[in-house]
């Protein structure tokens, strides 16, 4: 009995030194901290590693959304008081142009454009820097919440090198993800001692990307689990909730106005439920193994009750739900990390469908929660190992210290496995970074993983177009249209479509897509300048040059950063510019 009592006391003492609550619910005097010097050194190491891993993408061209977020977005091409002010106008032209109210995100792009112009290398490095900063702050948060130093650093390394994050880091316009997580982690770290500053940082995180909403419930759970004998600071949480509510109204209107929230994943409720759970299972597999990554995911809904992703999700997600209940009942800080992952998944789960149901980049906010939860759960297993061994071995073995030696060995084995996983992730990430070198390599990757998806249809159409096969080109475009493709301007500007662009059959498809845009944009009661430009382009693609000129004149009267472009377009149409 004496040996068992010593074991229990020693284990409790170790938990206290690592920053965990003891079995009696007592809070330790202090938790782990990451000093400024150590953090700076860690950032330097992380930056060197990330630049090496992401080297294939650093000179990669603007891709897809990069064009309307950065390359062709006049709002971010001038660092002036007027332009910066326009970024913060709710539902203004800048918001409409990118279909999100994210002024901090656009402000960062403005600063990057001022520094680098259209030289992509600088923009890529900015993304990598923010990713490294977020990884270091994640280590600091892990330490603050009781994760041992070796585990905390390993967790930060895994997040830094995880292949699922490549899309969020290598895609220039995804600066919104890395910068938002950066401000979110600062908010969580500031909340215990400087709640006012934490509220400000929370707003900045929201202004970079709406997914930062996870901060509110996670901060509350950190508070509830780490300060058990103190009252929750409801005043500050009310301030954060009010800020989020006000922001959510603007963001929802921006999405509705653009039609971005009008997609329908499936009209059958049971298929929708199965698909939501199947998507969750896909994300968990990617998080654990990096298997299943792809540019522009295009998965089929879970039509069948025998869909393997849906069936597997019932078991795995059931276990995760059980664990969440256990840690909530035990008031353990692990609950905050599981909640982090769940809340971050909720907006992209397709309960409320949107146009693109799955993407690697959506894991960027889910992964930190999963990593933190697994580290804490693993540490709890290690802490319980001596007691388990003691209960199942002789007293002599316990007195000789075998239970604690087993714990040390198990901990070191886990660390070795973690380092090996990080190394494998680094190799995989380096390969994934090469995908983001150009629009062609991105589309090829998407087509390879989803041969029936929109990207595959477009590639088949482009191949047919290059051979002068207009019927094959049209068939490819229509296959993509069935999967939600509606970018008529690409069909008019991409040189791969040039051999068939003037054929009546191909022009008919372009006019069909443009007609949908005309219907949407014409219904706007108070269109912004960029919406009028989009309407004019749609009219032009539809073959109505006179209506296109009228829309351009309305856009010029509206005023904005695109005036010079509009004058040039009017001159090209032979319209009056003054």
Protein backbone atom coordinates (compact mmCIF):
# COMPACT_ATOMS: atom_id res chain seq x y z
CA UNK A 1 0.00 0.00 0.00
CA UNK A 2 2.86 2.39 0.80
CA UNK A 3 4.40 1.88 -2.64
CA UNK A 4 1.05 2.50 -4.32
CA UNK A 5 0.55 5.69 -2.30
CA UNK A 6 4.01 6.93 -3.31
CA UNK A 7 3.20 6.17 -6.93
CA UNK A 8 -0.04 8.14 -6.76
CA UNK A 9 1.63 11.11 -5.10
CA UNK A 10 4.47 11.11 -7.62
CA UNK A 11 2.05 10.96 -10.53
CA UNK A 12 0.02 13.84 -9.12
CA UNK A 13 3.20 15.84 -8.61
CA UNK A 14 4.25 15.27 -12.21
CA UNK A 15 0.80 16.34 -13.49
CA UNK A 16 1.04 19.51 -11.43
CA UNK A 17 4.50 20.35 -12.78
CA UNK A 18 3.22 19.85 -16.36
CA UNK A 19 0.36 22.27 -15.71
CA UNK A 20 -2.58 19.87 -15.28
CA UNK A 21 -5.19 19.94 -12.56
CA UNK A 22 -4.76 17.31 -9.87
CA UNK A 23 -7.45 14.77 -9.13
CA UNK A 24 -8.77 17.09 -6.41
CA UNK A 25 -9.42 19.79 -8.99
CA UNK A 26 -6.66 22.13 -7.80
CA UNK A 27 -5.13 24.49 -10.33
CA UNK A 28 -1.32 24.65 -10.54
CA UNK A 29 0.45 27.85 -9.61
CA UNK A 30 1.73 28.32 -13.10
CA UNK A 31 1.65 26.63 -16.48
CA UNK A 32 4.24 26.16 -19.17
CA UNK A 33 5.45 29.27 -20.95
CA UNK A 34 7.29 29.87 -24.19
CA UNK A 35 9.85 32.62 -23.61
CA UNK A 36 10.42 35.29 -26.23
CA UNK A 37 13.94 34.02 -26.92
CA UNK A 38 12.85 30.41 -27.31
CA UNK A 39 9.91 31.47 -29.46
CA UNK A 40 12.17 33.52 -31.72
CA UNK A 41 14.58 30.62 -32.12
CA UNK A 42 11.70 28.27 -32.83
CA UNK A 43 10.31 30.67 -35.45
CA UNK A 44 13.70 30.82 -37.19
CA UNK A 45 13.89 27.01 -37.30
CA UNK A 46 10.28 26.73 -38.47
CA UNK A 47 10.80 29.35 -41.18
CA UNK A 48 13.88 27.59 -42.54
CA UNK A 49 12.06 24.25 -42.60
CA UNK A 50 8.92 25.71 -44.20
CA UNK A 51 10.81 27.59 -46.91
CA UNK A 52 12.57 24.35 -47.81
CA UNK A 53 9.37 22.29 -47.84
CA UNK A 54 7.40 24.89 -49.82
CA UNK A 55 10.22 25.72 -52.24
CA UNK A 56 8.44 24.18 -55.29
CA UNK A 57 5.52 26.58 -54.83
CA UNK A 58 7.37 29.81 -53.99
CA UNK A 59 7.64 30.89 -57.62
CA UNK A 60 4.23 29.50 -58.54
CA UNK A 61 1.90 31.71 -60.57
CA UNK A 62 -1.39 33.24 -59.50
CA UNK A 63 -4.04 30.50 -59.46
CA UNK A 64 -7.84 30.63 -59.61
CA UNK A 65 -9.11 32.91 -56.79
CA UNK A 66 -5.75 34.72 -56.70
CA UNK A 67 -6.88 36.68 -59.74
CA UNK A 68 -9.94 38.33 -58.23
CA UNK A 69 -8.49 38.53 -54.70
CA UNK A 70 -5.08 39.94 -55.65
CA UNK A 71 -3.90 40.13 -59.26
CA UNK A 72 -6.98 41.85 -60.74
CA UNK A 73 -8.37 43.42 -57.58
CA UNK A 74 -7.92 47.19 -57.89
CA UNK A 75 -8.85 47.65 -54.22
CA UNK A 76 -5.56 46.09 -53.07
CA UNK A 77 -3.30 47.76 -55.63
CA UNK A 78 -2.92 51.09 -53.87
CA UNK A 79 -1.93 51.72 -50.25
CA UNK A 80 -3.80 54.96 -49.57
CA UNK A 81 -6.19 56.18 -46.89
CA UNK A 82 -9.08 56.15 -49.35
CA UNK A 83 -8.43 52.61 -50.59
CA UNK A 84 -7.79 51.22 -47.10
CA UNK A 85 -10.99 52.87 -45.88
CA UNK A 86 -12.92 51.24 -48.73
CA UNK A 87 -11.77 47.81 -47.54
CA UNK A 88 -13.58 48.30 -44.21
CA UNK A 89 -16.92 49.44 -45.67
CA UNK A 90 -19.46 46.65 -44.97
CA UNK A 91 -21.08 45.43 -48.17
CA UNK A 92 -18.99 47.89 -50.20
CA UNK A 93 -17.29 47.25 -53.49
CA UNK A 94 -14.28 45.52 -51.92
CA UNK A 95 -16.52 43.10 -50.03
CA UNK A 96 -18.61 42.38 -53.12
CA UNK A 97 -15.51 41.75 -55.21
CA UNK A 98 -14.37 38.86 -53.01
CA UNK A 99 -17.77 37.68 -51.70
CA UNK A 100 -16.59 38.04 -48.08
CA UNK A 101 -16.25 40.84 -45.55
CA UNK A 102 -12.56 40.30 -44.79
CA UNK A 103 -10.92 43.75 -44.61
CA UNK A 104 -7.85 42.60 -42.66
CA UNK A 105 -7.19 39.90 -45.25
CA UNK A 106 -7.41 42.45 -48.07
CA UNK A 107 -5.32 44.95 -46.12
CA UNK A 108 -2.52 42.38 -45.84
CA UNK A 109 -2.72 41.79 -49.59
CA UNK A 110 -2.55 45.56 -50.09
CA UNK A 111 0.65 45.76 -48.05
CA UNK A 112 2.11 42.78 -49.93
CA UNK A 113 1.20 44.33 -53.30
CA UNK A 114 2.82 47.60 -52.24
CA UNK A 115 6.00 45.68 -51.42
CA UNK A 116 6.10 43.12 -54.24
CA UNK A 117 3.63 44.14 -56.94
CA UNK A 118 2.87 41.17 -59.17
CA UNK A 119 6.09 39.32 -58.22
CA UNK A 120 4.60 36.15 -56.81
CA UNK A 121 7.64 35.06 -54.78
CA UNK A 122 7.11 37.77 -52.17
CA UNK A 123 3.41 36.94 -51.80
CA UNK A 124 4.21 33.27 -51.25
CA UNK A 125 6.83 34.09 -48.62
CA UNK A 126 4.32 36.26 -46.72
CA UNK A 127 1.99 33.26 -46.53
CA UNK A 128 4.81 31.03 -45.27
CA UNK A 129 5.80 33.58 -42.61
CA UNK A 130 2.25 33.77 -41.23
CA UNK A 131 2.04 29.97 -41.23
CA UNK A 132 5.27 29.75 -39.22
CA UNK A 133 4.06 32.41 -36.77
CA UNK A 134 0.82 30.48 -36.27
CA UNK A 135 2.79 27.26 -35.68
CA UNK A 136 4.95 28.91 -33.00
CA UNK A 137 1.89 30.40 -31.29
CA UNK A 138 0.29 26.96 -31.33
CA UNK A 139 3.31 25.61 -29.42
CA UNK A 140 2.85 28.42 -26.89
CA UNK A 141 -0.83 27.56 -26.48
CA UNK A 142 -0.08 23.86 -26.07
CA UNK A 143 2.38 24.70 -23.30
CA UNK A 144 -0.09 27.08 -21.66
CA UNK A 145 -2.72 24.34 -21.54
CA UNK A 146 -0.59 21.71 -19.86
CA UNK A 147 0.97 19.78 -22.73
CA UNK A 148 4.60 18.81 -21.91
CA UNK A 149 7.29 20.75 -23.76
CA UNK A 150 8.42 17.92 -26.03
CA UNK A 151 4.84 17.13 -27.01
CA UNK A 152 4.00 20.81 -27.55
CA UNK A 153 6.93 21.36 -29.89
CA UNK A 154 6.19 18.12 -31.74
CA UNK A 155 2.57 19.23 -32.14
CA UNK A 156 3.70 22.56 -33.61
CA UNK A 157 6.07 20.78 -35.99
CA UNK A 158 3.35 18.42 -37.20
CA UNK A 159 1.04 21.37 -37.86
CA UNK A 160 3.84 23.23 -39.64
CA UNK A 161 4.62 20.30 -41.96
CA UNK A 162 1.21 18.65 -42.38
CA UNK A 163 0.42 18.11 -46.09
CA UNK A 164 -3.22 19.13 -45.58
CA UNK A 165 -1.98 22.69 -44.94
CA UNK A 166 -0.18 23.01 -48.27
CA UNK A 167 -3.24 24.39 -50.06
CA UNK A 168 -3.77 27.03 -47.37
CA UNK A 169 -0.12 28.11 -47.46
CA UNK A 170 0.88 27.69 -51.12
CA UNK A 171 -2.26 29.36 -52.51
CA UNK A 172 -1.62 33.12 -52.35
CA UNK A 173 -5.21 34.21 -51.70
CA UNK A 174 -5.39 31.79 -48.75
CA UNK A 175 -3.40 34.32 -46.74
CA UNK A 176 -6.80 34.77 -45.09
CA UNK A 177 -6.44 31.33 -43.44
CA UNK A 178 -2.92 31.70 -42.03
CA UNK A 179 -3.43 35.32 -40.91
CA UNK A 180 -6.79 34.55 -39.30
CA UNK A 181 -5.34 31.62 -37.34
CA UNK A 182 -2.43 33.84 -36.30
CA UNK A 183 -4.78 36.44 -34.78
CA UNK A 184 -7.02 33.71 -33.33
CA UNK A 185 -4.13 32.12 -31.43
CA UNK A 186 -3.01 35.51 -30.17
CA UNK A 187 -6.55 36.08 -28.89
CA UNK A 188 -6.59 32.74 -27.04
CA UNK A 189 -3.18 33.43 -25.50
CA UNK A 190 -4.19 36.96 -24.42
CA UNK A 191 -7.57 36.00 -22.93
CA UNK A 192 -6.43 34.88 -19.43
CA UNK A 193 -4.66 38.14 -18.55
CA UNK A 194 -5.72 40.72 -21.16
CA UNK A 195 -9.32 39.97 -22.15
CA UNK A 196 -9.80 43.41 -23.71
CA UNK A 197 -6.86 42.85 -26.04
CA UNK A 198 -8.17 39.34 -26.75
CA UNK A 199 -11.50 40.80 -27.91
CA UNK A 200 -9.69 43.14 -30.31
CA UNK A 201 -7.57 40.29 -31.68
CA UNK A 202 -10.71 38.19 -32.10
CA UNK A 203 -12.26 40.89 -34.28
CA UNK A 204 -9.07 41.12 -36.36
CA UNK A 205 -9.17 37.34 -36.81
CA UNK A 206 -12.79 37.50 -37.98
CA UNK A 207 -11.87 40.32 -40.37
CA UNK A 208 -9.34 37.95 -41.93
CA UNK A 209 -11.62 34.89 -42.16
CA UNK A 210 -15.00 34.03 -40.58
CA UNK A 211 -13.75 30.63 -39.37
CA UNK A 212 -12.11 32.48 -36.48
CA UNK A 213 -15.51 32.19 -34.76
CA UNK A 214 -14.12 29.05 -33.09
CA UNK A 215 -12.22 31.32 -30.67
CA UNK A 216 -15.34 32.20 -28.66
CA UNK A 217 -16.38 28.70 -27.46
CA UNK A 218 -12.77 27.52 -27.17
CA UNK A 219 -11.73 30.48 -25.01
CA UNK A 220 -14.76 29.88 -22.79
CA UNK A 221 -13.88 26.19 -22.38
CA UNK A 222 -10.24 26.98 -21.63
CA UNK A 223 -11.48 29.37 -18.94
CA UNK A 224 -13.95 26.85 -17.54
CA UNK A 225 -11.43 23.99 -17.36
CA UNK A 226 -8.36 25.92 -16.20
CA UNK A 227 -9.96 28.21 -13.62
CA UNK A 228 -12.39 25.83 -11.85
CA UNK A 229 -12.72 27.89 -8.67
CA UNK A 230 -13.19 31.26 -10.33
CA UNK A 231 -16.24 32.73 -12.00
CA UNK A 232 -16.30 32.86 -15.78
CA UNK A 233 -15.72 36.33 -17.19
CA UNK A 234 -19.13 36.57 -18.84
CA UNK A 235 -18.77 40.27 -19.58
CA UNK A 236 -15.90 39.69 -21.99
CA UNK A 237 -17.55 36.70 -23.61
CA UNK A 238 -20.67 38.80 -24.13
CA UNK A 239 -18.54 41.45 -25.86
CA UNK A 240 -17.01 38.81 -28.13
CA UNK A 241 -20.43 37.30 -28.86
CA UNK A 242 -21.85 40.71 -29.76
CA UNK A 243 -18.90 41.43 -32.06
CA UNK A 244 -19.36 38.09 -33.78
CA UNK A 245 -23.12 38.59 -34.17
CA UNK A 246 -22.61 41.98 -35.82
CA UNK A 247 -19.96 40.56 -38.11
CA UNK A 248 -22.07 37.51 -38.97
CA UNK A 249 -24.93 39.69 -40.22
CA UNK A 250 -22.65 41.49 -42.68
CA UNK A 251 -20.95 38.27 -43.79
CA UNK A 252 -24.27 36.47 -44.32
CA UNK A 253 -25.66 39.31 -46.43
CA UNK A 254 -22.45 39.39 -48.50
CA UNK A 255 -22.74 35.65 -49.17
CA UNK A 256 -26.42 35.81 -50.01
CA UNK A 257 -25.90 38.78 -52.31
CA UNK A 258 -23.28 36.91 -54.30
CA UNK A 259 -25.32 33.72 -54.47
CA UNK A 260 -22.47 31.85 -52.76
CA UNK A 261 -24.84 30.25 -50.26
CA UNK A 262 -27.39 29.01 -52.78
CA UNK A 263 -25.75 25.67 -53.63
CA UNK A 264 -27.67 22.48 -52.85
CA UNK A 265 -25.57 19.46 -51.90
CA UNK A 266 -28.57 17.15 -52.10
CA UNK A 267 -32.29 17.64 -51.64
CA UNK A 268 -32.85 14.30 -49.85
CA UNK A 269 -32.36 14.80 -46.08
CA UNK A 270 -30.97 11.29 -45.45
CA UNK A 271 -28.44 11.65 -48.27
CA UNK A 272 -27.43 15.04 -46.87
CA UNK A 273 -26.91 13.61 -43.36
CA UNK A 274 -24.87 10.68 -44.69
CA UNK A 275 -22.78 13.05 -46.79
CA UNK A 276 -22.06 15.39 -43.86
CA UNK A 277 -20.80 12.45 -41.77
CA UNK A 278 -18.89 10.97 -44.72
CA UNK A 279 -17.11 14.28 -45.29
CA UNK A 280 -16.18 14.38 -41.61
CA UNK A 281 -14.66 10.90 -41.93
CA UNK A 282 -12.69 11.95 -45.00
CA UNK A 283 -11.24 14.89 -43.08
CA UNK A 284 -10.26 12.67 -40.14
CA UNK A 285 -8.43 10.25 -42.45
CA UNK A 286 -6.60 13.14 -44.12
CA UNK A 287 -5.69 14.59 -40.72
CA UNK A 288 -4.33 11.27 -39.44
CA UNK A 289 -2.55 10.04 -42.57
CA UNK A 290 -2.58 12.83 -45.22
CA UNK A 291 -4.23 10.26 -47.53
CA UNK A 292 -6.92 11.69 -49.82
CA UNK A 293 -5.50 15.18 -50.48
CA UNK A 294 -6.48 16.89 -53.71
CA UNK A 295 -6.85 20.27 -55.32
CA UNK A 296 -10.49 21.20 -55.91
CA UNK A 297 -12.15 18.23 -54.23
CA UNK A 298 -15.29 17.05 -55.99
CA UNK A 299 -16.64 14.05 -54.04
CA UNK A 300 -19.98 12.42 -54.80
CA UNK A 301 -22.68 12.63 -52.11
CA UNK A 302 -23.16 9.49 -49.98
CA UNK A 303 -26.09 8.20 -52.04
CA UNK A 304 -25.96 4.63 -50.71
CA UNK A 305 -26.56 3.51 -47.14
CA UNK A 306 -23.56 1.22 -47.73
CA UNK A 307 -21.23 4.10 -48.53
CA UNK A 308 -17.96 3.11 -46.76
CA UNK A 309 -17.12 6.66 -45.66
CA UNK A 310 -20.51 7.08 -44.06
CA UNK A 311 -20.40 3.66 -42.33
CA UNK A 312 -16.89 4.24 -40.97
CA UNK A 313 -17.95 7.65 -39.67
CA UNK A 314 -20.61 6.08 -37.43
CA UNK A 315 -17.94 4.20 -35.46
CA UNK A 316 -15.17 6.80 -35.41
CA UNK A 317 -17.34 9.84 -34.83
CA UNK A 318 -19.23 7.91 -32.17
CA UNK A 319 -15.96 7.28 -30.32
CA UNK A 320 -15.00 10.94 -30.65
CA UNK A 321 -18.37 12.00 -29.26
CA UNK A 322 -17.93 9.61 -26.33
CA UNK A 323 -14.49 11.03 -25.59
CA UNK A 324 -15.83 14.58 -25.71
CA UNK A 325 -18.52 13.70 -23.18
CA UNK A 326 -15.96 12.06 -20.89
CA UNK A 327 -13.59 15.04 -20.86
CA UNK A 328 -16.45 17.51 -20.44
CA UNK A 329 -17.72 15.61 -17.42
CA UNK A 330 -14.19 15.52 -16.04
CA UNK A 331 -13.76 19.24 -16.74
CA UNK A 332 -10.50 18.53 -18.55
CA UNK A 333 -8.82 21.04 -20.84
CA UNK A 334 -8.81 18.38 -23.56
CA UNK A 335 -12.50 19.21 -24.03
CA UNK A 336 -11.58 22.63 -25.41
CA UNK A 337 -9.45 21.08 -28.15
CA UNK A 338 -12.12 18.60 -29.22
CA UNK A 339 -14.62 21.46 -29.27
CA UNK A 340 -12.12 23.46 -31.38
CA UNK A 341 -12.12 20.73 -34.02
CA UNK A 342 -15.90 20.26 -33.96
CA UNK A 343 -16.74 23.98 -34.13
CA UNK A 344 -14.23 24.51 -36.95
CA UNK A 345 -15.80 21.65 -38.91
CA UNK A 346 -19.39 22.85 -38.41
CA UNK A 347 -19.41 25.71 -40.97
CA UNK A 348 -17.87 23.55 -43.71
CA UNK A 349 -19.78 20.35 -42.89
CA UNK A 350 -22.41 21.06 -45.58
CA UNK A 351 -25.28 21.21 -43.09
CA UNK A 352 -25.77 24.52 -44.90
CA UNK A 353 -24.38 23.64 -48.34
CA UNK A 354 -22.19 25.93 -50.39
CA UNK A 355 -20.59 25.64 -53.79
CA UNK A 356 -17.41 23.68 -52.93
CA UNK A 357 -18.26 20.95 -50.37
CA UNK A 358 -14.70 19.88 -49.48
CA UNK A 359 -11.19 21.31 -49.59
CA UNK A 360 -7.77 20.62 -48.06
CA UNK A 361 -7.64 24.20 -46.78
CA UNK A 362 -10.69 23.67 -44.56
CA UNK A 363 -8.55 21.46 -42.32
CA UNK A 364 -6.30 24.40 -41.47
CA UNK A 365 -8.51 25.37 -38.51
CA UNK A 366 -9.54 21.81 -37.58
CA UNK A 367 -6.02 20.36 -37.29
CA UNK A 368 -4.84 22.40 -34.25
CA UNK A 369 -7.81 21.17 -32.24
CA UNK A 370 -7.23 17.55 -33.23
CA UNK A 371 -3.50 17.74 -32.53
CA UNK A 372 -4.02 19.30 -29.09
CA UNK A 373 -6.70 16.80 -28.14
CA UNK A 374 -4.59 13.80 -29.20
CA UNK A 375 -1.55 15.11 -27.32
CA UNK A 376 -3.53 15.56 -24.11
CA UNK A 377 -5.29 12.20 -24.47
CA UNK A 378 -1.95 10.50 -25.10
CA UNK A 379 -0.40 12.20 -22.09
CA UNK A 380 -3.27 10.97 -19.92
CA UNK A 381 -2.64 7.42 -21.13
CA UNK A 382 1.04 7.77 -20.23
CA UNK A 383 0.16 9.10 -16.78
CA UNK A 384 -2.15 6.15 -16.14
CA UNK A 385 0.43 3.61 -17.33
CA UNK A 386 2.38 3.30 -14.02
CA UNK A 387 -0.83 2.71 -12.08
CA UNK A 388 -1.99 0.09 -14.56
CA UNK A 389 1.38 -1.71 -14.45
CA UNK A 390 1.44 -1.50 -10.68
CA UNK A 391 -2.00 -3.04 -10.47
CA UNK A 392 -0.99 -5.93 -12.72
CA UNK A 393 2.56 -6.65 -11.52
CA UNK A 394 4.21 -7.68 -8.30
CA UNK A 395 4.96 -5.26 -5.48
CA UNK A 396 8.66 -5.91 -5.99
CA UNK A 397 8.48 -4.63 -9.59
CA UNK A 398 6.63 -1.53 -8.45
CA UNK A 399 9.23 -0.86 -5.76
CA UNK A 400 12.02 -1.20 -8.30
CA UNK A 401 10.45 1.58 -10.30
CA UNK A 402 9.44 -0.50 -13.33
CA UNK A 403 6.09 1.29 -13.83
CA UNK A 404 7.80 4.66 -14.19
CA UNK A 405 10.50 3.23 -16.44
CA UNK A 406 7.75 1.84 -18.67
CA UNK A 407 6.12 5.26 -18.78
CA UNK A 408 9.38 6.89 -19.86
CA UNK A 409 9.93 4.26 -22.54
CA UNK A 410 6.36 4.64 -23.83
CA UNK A 411 6.76 8.42 -23.92
CA UNK A 412 10.01 8.20 -25.84
CA UNK A 413 8.49 5.69 -28.29
CA UNK A 414 5.60 8.07 -28.89
CA UNK A 415 8.03 10.93 -29.48
CA UNK A 416 10.05 8.88 -31.98
CA UNK A 417 6.88 7.91 -33.85
CA UNK A 418 5.80 11.55 -33.88
CA UNK A 419 9.12 12.70 -35.31
CA UNK A 420 8.96 9.99 -37.96
CA UNK A 421 5.43 11.08 -38.90
CA UNK A 422 6.59 14.71 -39.14
CA UNK A 423 9.44 13.71 -41.45
CA UNK A 424 7.08 11.77 -43.71
CA UNK A 425 4.67 14.69 -43.71
CA UNK A 426 7.50 17.02 -44.75
CA UNK A 427 8.32 14.84 -47.76
CA UNK A 428 4.65 14.63 -48.75
CA UNK A 429 4.19 18.40 -48.31
CA UNK A 430 7.16 19.07 -50.57
CA UNK A 431 5.49 16.99 -53.26
CA UNK A 432 2.12 18.68 -52.74
CA UNK A 433 3.74 22.13 -52.95
CA UNK A 434 4.75 21.32 -56.53
CA UNK A 435 1.06 21.05 -57.41
CA UNK A 436 0.65 24.79 -56.81
CA UNK A 437 3.20 25.89 -59.42
CA UNK A 438 0.62 26.82 -62.05
CA UNK A 439 -3.09 26.64 -62.92
CA UNK A 440 -2.32 23.69 -65.21
CA UNK A 441 -0.69 21.59 -62.46
CA UNK A 442 -3.55 22.38 -60.06
CA UNK A 443 -6.18 21.33 -62.59
CA UNK A 444 -4.21 18.18 -63.45
CA UNK A 445 -4.10 17.19 -59.78
CA UNK A 446 -7.85 17.74 -59.37
CA UNK A 447 -8.63 15.78 -62.54
CA UNK A 448 -6.39 12.90 -61.46
CA UNK A 449 -8.19 12.49 -58.14
CA UNK A 450 -11.72 13.15 -59.43
CA UNK A 451 -12.00 11.86 -63.03
CA UNK A 452 -15.71 12.70 -63.08
CA UNK A 453 -15.32 16.15 -61.53
CA UNK A 454 -15.49 19.63 -63.01
CA UNK A 455 -11.71 19.91 -63.46
CA UNK A 456 -11.58 16.62 -65.35
CA UNK A 457 -14.42 17.73 -67.61
CA UNK A 458 -12.65 20.99 -68.42
CA UNK A 459 -9.39 19.19 -69.18
CA UNK A 460 -11.17 16.81 -71.54
CA UNK A 461 -12.80 19.81 -73.20
CA UNK A 462 -9.48 21.64 -73.53
CA UNK A 463 -7.81 18.59 -75.07
CA UNK A 464 -10.64 18.32 -77.59
CA UNK A 465 -10.43 22.05 -78.31
CA UNK A 466 -6.71 21.77 -79.08
CA UNK A 467 -7.55 19.15 -81.71
CA UNK A 468 -10.32 21.30 -83.16
CA UNK A 469 -13.03 18.94 -81.89
CA UNK A 470 -15.83 21.40 -81.05
CA UNK A 471 -18.29 18.70 -79.97
CA UNK A 472 -15.75 17.26 -77.53
CA UNK A 473 -14.95 20.74 -76.22
CA UNK A 474 -18.63 21.52 -75.66
CA UNK A 475 -19.19 18.15 -73.98
CA UNK A 476 -16.30 18.83 -71.59
CA UNK A 477 -17.65 22.27 -70.65
CA UNK A 478 -21.15 20.89 -70.11
CA UNK A 479 -19.78 18.13 -67.88
CA UNK A 480 -18.10 20.82 -65.78
CA UNK A 481 -21.30 22.90 -65.74
CA UNK A 482 -23.15 19.95 -64.23
CA UNK A 483 -20.67 20.12 -61.33
CA UNK A 484 -21.22 23.86 -60.80
CA UNK A 485 -18.74 25.45 -63.23
CA UNK A 486 -19.85 28.92 -64.43
CA UNK A 487 -16.71 30.88 -65.39
CA UNK A 488 -17.59 32.14 -68.85
CA UNK A 489 -14.72 34.65 -68.82
CA UNK A 490 -12.20 31.81 -68.67
CA UNK A 491 -13.69 30.33 -71.82
CA UNK A 492 -13.13 33.68 -73.56
CA UNK A 493 -9.59 34.36 -72.34
CA UNK A 494 -7.87 31.00 -71.82
CA UNK A 495 -5.80 30.32 -74.99
CA UNK A 496 -6.46 26.59 -74.84
CA UNK A 497 -10.02 27.24 -76.06
CA UNK A 498 -8.89 29.43 -78.99
CA UNK A 499 -9.26 26.79 -81.77
CA UNK A 500 -13.02 26.45 -81.12
CA UNK A 501 -13.85 29.79 -79.53
CA UNK A 502 -15.57 31.25 -82.59
CA UNK A 503 -17.57 28.14 -83.45
CA UNK A 504 -21.36 28.66 -83.05
CA UNK A 505 -21.73 25.59 -80.79
CA UNK A 506 -19.05 26.80 -78.41
CA UNK A 507 -20.37 30.37 -78.43
CA UNK A 508 -23.80 28.99 -77.53
CA UNK A 509 -22.41 27.39 -74.37
CA UNK A 510 -20.65 30.64 -73.42
CA UNK A 511 -23.90 32.58 -73.93
CA UNK A 512 -25.77 30.05 -71.80
CA UNK A 513 -23.39 30.52 -68.88
CA UNK A 514 -23.38 34.31 -69.34
CA UNK A 515 -27.19 34.37 -69.30
CA UNK A 516 -27.16 32.98 -65.76
CA UNK A 517 -24.85 35.80 -64.64
CA UNK A 518 -27.05 38.39 -66.39
CA UNK A 519 -30.12 37.10 -64.57
CA UNK A 520 -28.34 37.24 -61.20
CA UNK A 521 -26.64 40.61 -61.64
CA UNK A 522 -29.68 42.33 -63.18
CA UNK A 523 -31.67 41.55 -60.03
CA UNK A 524 -29.37 43.63 -57.81
CA UNK A 525 -31.19 46.74 -56.59
CA UNK A 526 -28.10 48.77 -55.78
CA UNK A 527 -25.18 47.16 -57.66
CA UNK A 528 -21.60 48.05 -56.81
CA UNK A 529 -19.13 49.06 -59.49
CA UNK A 530 -17.59 45.58 -59.64
CA UNK A 531 -21.04 43.99 -60.00
CA UNK A 532 -21.82 46.32 -62.91
CA UNK A 533 -18.51 45.39 -64.53
CA UNK A 534 -19.41 41.71 -64.15
CA UNK A 535 -22.83 42.44 -65.69
CA UNK A 536 -21.17 44.26 -68.62
CA UNK A 537 -18.79 41.34 -69.20
CA UNK A 538 -21.71 38.92 -69.14
CA UNK A 539 -23.60 41.01 -71.69
CA UNK A 540 -20.50 41.10 -73.88
CA UNK A 541 -20.09 37.31 -73.65
CA UNK A 542 -23.76 36.97 -74.52
CA UNK A 543 -23.20 39.03 -77.66
CA UNK A 544 -25.07 42.16 -76.52
CA UNK A 545 -22.43 44.89 -77.00
CA UNK A 546 -24.90 47.75 -76.62
CA UNK A 547 -26.13 46.50 -73.24
CA UNK A 548 -22.52 45.84 -72.25
CA UNK A 549 -21.64 49.46 -73.00
CA UNK A 550 -24.64 50.67 -70.97
CA UNK A 551 -23.56 48.58 -67.98
CA UNK A 552 -19.99 49.91 -68.27
CA UNK A 553 -21.32 53.50 -68.29
CA UNK A 554 -23.36 52.80 -65.17
CA UNK A 555 -20.24 51.38 -63.53
CA UNK A 556 -18.29 54.51 -64.47
CA UNK A 557 -21.03 56.72 -63.02
CA UNK A 558 -20.96 54.63 -59.85
CA UNK A 559 -17.26 55.38 -59.43
CA UNK A 560 -14.53 53.27 -57.87
CA UNK A 561 -11.03 51.91 -58.32
CA UNK A 562 -11.87 50.34 -61.70
CA UNK A 563 -12.56 53.62 -63.56
CA UNK A 564 -9.50 53.40 -65.83
CA UNK A 565 -10.27 49.79 -66.74
CA UNK A 566 -13.89 50.69 -67.54
CA UNK A 567 -12.86 53.60 -69.78
CA UNK A 568 -10.56 51.25 -71.70
CA UNK A 569 -13.36 48.73 -72.12
CA UNK A 570 -15.76 51.40 -73.32
CA UNK A 571 -13.21 52.67 -75.80
CA UNK A 572 -12.82 49.13 -77.11
CA UNK A 573 -16.56 48.86 -77.56
CA UNK A 574 -16.65 52.22 -79.35
CA UNK A 575 -18.71 53.74 -76.57
CA UNK A 576 -18.61 57.29 -75.24
CA UNK A 577 -16.06 57.59 -72.41
CA UNK A 578 -16.77 61.08 -71.04
